Amino acid sequence: MGALESTPLRTQYLGSSLRRTQASRRYLRAISSQRIETRETYDCVVVGGGISGLAAALFFTRQAAPEATCLVLDNHAIFGGEPSRTILK
């Protein structure tokens, strides 16, 4: 069996991933009509509050000018990614 051959587990995972992607697109279409103009501006916007997103925001704030602003967006109230959500449940 080759590395790229389809196994039941791999096929099941890809189907699950596709369903999540399609659900995300439907959600984004639904909320796109509900946008609120805030007139806020940021020098850097990081999408994702996991370890990589937080590291990117930290790196930006250390390298940018002191008055530069950075916004970190996450879809959960707790930053830190999946491990932090799993531990706190």
C-alpha atoms as a PDB file:
ATOM      1  CA  MET A   1       0.000   0.000   0.000  1.00  0.00           C
ATOM      2  CA  GLY A   2       1.487   3.344  -1.077  1.00  0.00           C
ATOM      3  CA  ALA A   3       1.597   6.419   1.135  1.00  0.00           C
ATOM      4  CA  LEU A   4      -0.963   8.294  -0.968  1.00  0.00           C
ATOM      5  CA  GLU A   5      -3.444   5.469  -1.415  1.00  0.00           C
ATOM      6  CA  SER A   6      -6.872   6.062   0.019  1.00  0.00           C
ATOM      7  CA  THR A   7      -7.630   4.179   3.203  1.00  0.00           C
ATOM      8  CA  PRO A   8     -11.010   4.204   4.967  1.00  0.00           C
ATOM      9  CA  LEU A   9      -9.615   6.397   7.746  1.00  0.00           C
ATOM     10  CA  ARG A  10      -8.031   8.848   5.312  1.00  0.00           C
ATOM     11  CA  THR A  11     -11.199   9.037   3.214  1.00  0.00           C
ATOM     12  CA  GLN A  12     -13.299   9.580   6.321  1.00  0.00           C
ATOM     13  CA  TYR A  13     -10.990  12.384   7.482  1.00  0.00           C
ATOM     14  CA  LEU A  14     -11.052  14.115   4.091  1.00  0.00           C
ATOM     15  CA  GLY A  15     -14.855  13.949   4.007  1.00  0.00           C
ATOM     16  CA  SER A  16     -15.044  15.423   7.499  1.00  0.00           C
ATOM     17  CA  SER A  17     -12.619  18.182   6.542  1.00  0.00           C
ATOM     18  CA  LEU A  18     -14.638  18.995   3.434  1.00  0.00           C
ATOM     19  CA  ARG A  19     -17.856  19.233   5.455  1.00  0.00           C
ATOM     20  CA  ARG A  20     -16.188  21.631   7.922  1.00  0.00           C
ATOM     21  CA  THR A  21     -14.904  23.774   5.055  1.00  0.00           C
ATOM     22  CA  GLN A  22     -18.343  23.931   3.442  1.00  0.00           C
ATOM     23  CA  ALA A  23     -19.944  24.821   6.794  1.00  0.00           C
ATOM     24  CA  SER A  24     -17.368  27.576   7.303  1.00  0.00           C
ATOM     25  CA  ARG A  25     -18.143  29.040   3.889  1.00  0.00           C
ATOM     26  CA  ARG A  26     -21.889  29.026   4.621  1.00  0.00           C
ATOM     27  CA  TYR A  27     -21.265  30.741   7.962  1.00  0.00           C
ATOM     28  CA  LEU A  28     -19.043  33.404   6.397  1.00  0.00           C
ATOM     29  CA  ARG A  29     -21.650  34.124   3.729  1.00  0.00           C
ATOM     30  CA  ALA A  30     -24.322  34.449   6.410  1.00  0.00           C
ATOM     31  CA  ILE A  31     -22.371  36.895   8.561  1.00  0.00           C
ATOM     32  CA  SER A  32     -20.908  38.927   5.685  1.00  0.00           C
ATOM     33  CA  SER A  33     -24.208  40.798   5.390  1.00  0.00           C
ATOM     34  CA  GLN A  34     -24.048  41.630   9.110  1.00  0.00           C
ATOM     35  CA  ARG A  35     -20.761  43.572   9.011  1.00  0.00           C
ATOM     36  CA  ILE A  36     -20.506  46.652  11.183  1.00  0.00           C
ATOM     37  CA  GLU A  37     -18.188  49.454  10.121  1.00  0.00           C
ATOM     38  CA  THR A  38     -16.083  50.439  13.163  1.00  0.00           C
ATOM     39  CA  ARG A  39     -13.555  52.684  11.401  1.00  0.00           C
ATOM     40  CA  GLU A  40     -10.819  51.034  13.464  1.00  0.00           C
ATOM     41  CA  THR A  41      -7.435  50.586  11.824  1.00  0.00           C
ATOM     42  CA  TYR A  42      -4.575  48.296  12.789  1.00  0.00           C
ATOM     43  CA  ASP A  43      -1.056  47.914  11.504  1.00  0.00           C
ATOM     44  CA  CYS A  44      -1.240  44.131  11.908  1.00  0.00           C
ATOM     45  CA  VAL A  45      -4.166  41.725  12.176  1.00  0.00           C
ATOM     46  CA  VAL A  46      -3.453  38.140  13.230  1.00  0.00           C
ATOM     47  CA  VAL A  47      -6.192  35.575  12.651  1.00  0.00           C
ATOM     48  CA  GLY A  48      -5.929  32.796  15.215  1.00  0.00           C
ATOM     49  CA  GLY A  49      -5.049  32.981  18.887  1.00  0.00           C
ATOM     50  CA  GLY A  50      -3.094  29.744  19.020  1.00  0.00           C
ATOM     51  CA  ILE A  51       0.599  29.511  19.788  1.00  0.00           C
ATOM     52  CA  SER A  52       1.607  30.536  16.241  1.00  0.00           C
ATOM     53  CA  GLY A  53      -0.787  33.481  16.131  1.00  0.00           C
ATOM     54  CA  LEU A  54       0.325  34.756  19.513  1.00  0.00           C
ATOM     55  CA  ALA A  55       3.974  34.328  18.525  1.00  0.00           C
ATOM     56  CA  ALA A  56       3.361  36.284  15.310  1.00  0.00           C
ATOM     57  CA  ALA A  57       1.692  39.104  17.256  1.00  0.00           C
ATOM     58  CA  LEU A  58       4.544  39.181  19.770  1.00  0.00           C
ATOM     59  CA  PHE A  59       7.145  39.209  16.996  1.00  0.00           C
ATOM     60  CA  PHE A  60       5.327  42.076  15.256  1.00  0.00           C
ATOM     61  CA  THR A  61       5.075  44.177  18.418  1.00  0.00           C
ATOM     62  CA  ARG A  62       8.773  43.697  19.145  1.00  0.00           C
ATOM     63  CA  GLN A  63       9.849  44.598  15.594  1.00  0.00           C
ATOM     64  CA  ALA A  64       7.374  47.398  14.818  1.00  0.00           C
ATOM     65  CA  ALA A  65       7.375  51.005  15.902  1.00  0.00           C
ATOM     66  CA  PRO A  66       6.165  51.644  19.479  1.00  0.00           C
ATOM     67  CA  GLU A  67       2.912  53.232  18.272  1.00  0.00           C
ATOM     68  CA  ALA A  68       2.044  50.299  15.966  1.00  0.00           C
ATOM     69  CA  THR A  69      -1.141  48.414  16.788  1.00  0.00           C
ATOM     70  CA  CYS A  70      -1.873  44.711  16.495  1.00  0.00           C
ATOM     71  CA  LEU A  71      -5.215  42.908  16.698  1.00  0.00           C
ATOM     72  CA  VAL A  72      -5.469  39.171  17.400  1.00  0.00           C
ATOM     73  CA  LEU A  73      -8.738  37.534  16.327  1.00  0.00           C
ATOM     74  CA  ASP A  74      -9.858  34.158  17.609  1.00  0.00           C
ATOM     75  CA  ASN A  75     -13.189  32.374  17.581  1.00  0.00           C
ATOM     76  CA  HIS A  76     -12.968  31.460  21.273  1.00  0.00           C
ATOM     77  CA  ALA A  77     -12.768  33.506  24.459  1.00  0.00           C
ATOM     78  CA  ILE A  78      -9.532  31.810  25.556  1.00  0.00           C
ATOM     79  CA  PHE A  79      -6.299  32.304  23.634  1.00  0.00           C
ATOM     80  CA  GLY A  80      -3.802  29.487  23.290  1.00  0.00           C
ATOM     81  CA  GLY A  81      -5.338  27.256  20.654  1.00  0.00           C
ATOM     82  CA  GLU A  82      -6.843  23.803  20.996  1.00  0.00           C
ATOM     83  CA  PRO A  83      -4.626  22.545  23.854  1.00  0.00           C
ATOM     84  CA  SER A  84      -5.781  25.335  26.193  1.00  0.00           C
ATOM     85  CA  ARG A  85      -9.446  24.615  25.436  1.00  0.00           C
ATOM     86  CA  THR A  86      -8.938  20.895  26.058  1.00  0.00           C
ATOM     87  CA  ILE A  87      -7.213  21.391  29.402  1.00  0.00           C
ATOM     88  CA  LEU A  88      -9.764  23.867  30.739  1.00  0.00           C
ATOM     89  CA  LYS A  89     -12.860  21.798  29.952  1.00  0.00           C
END
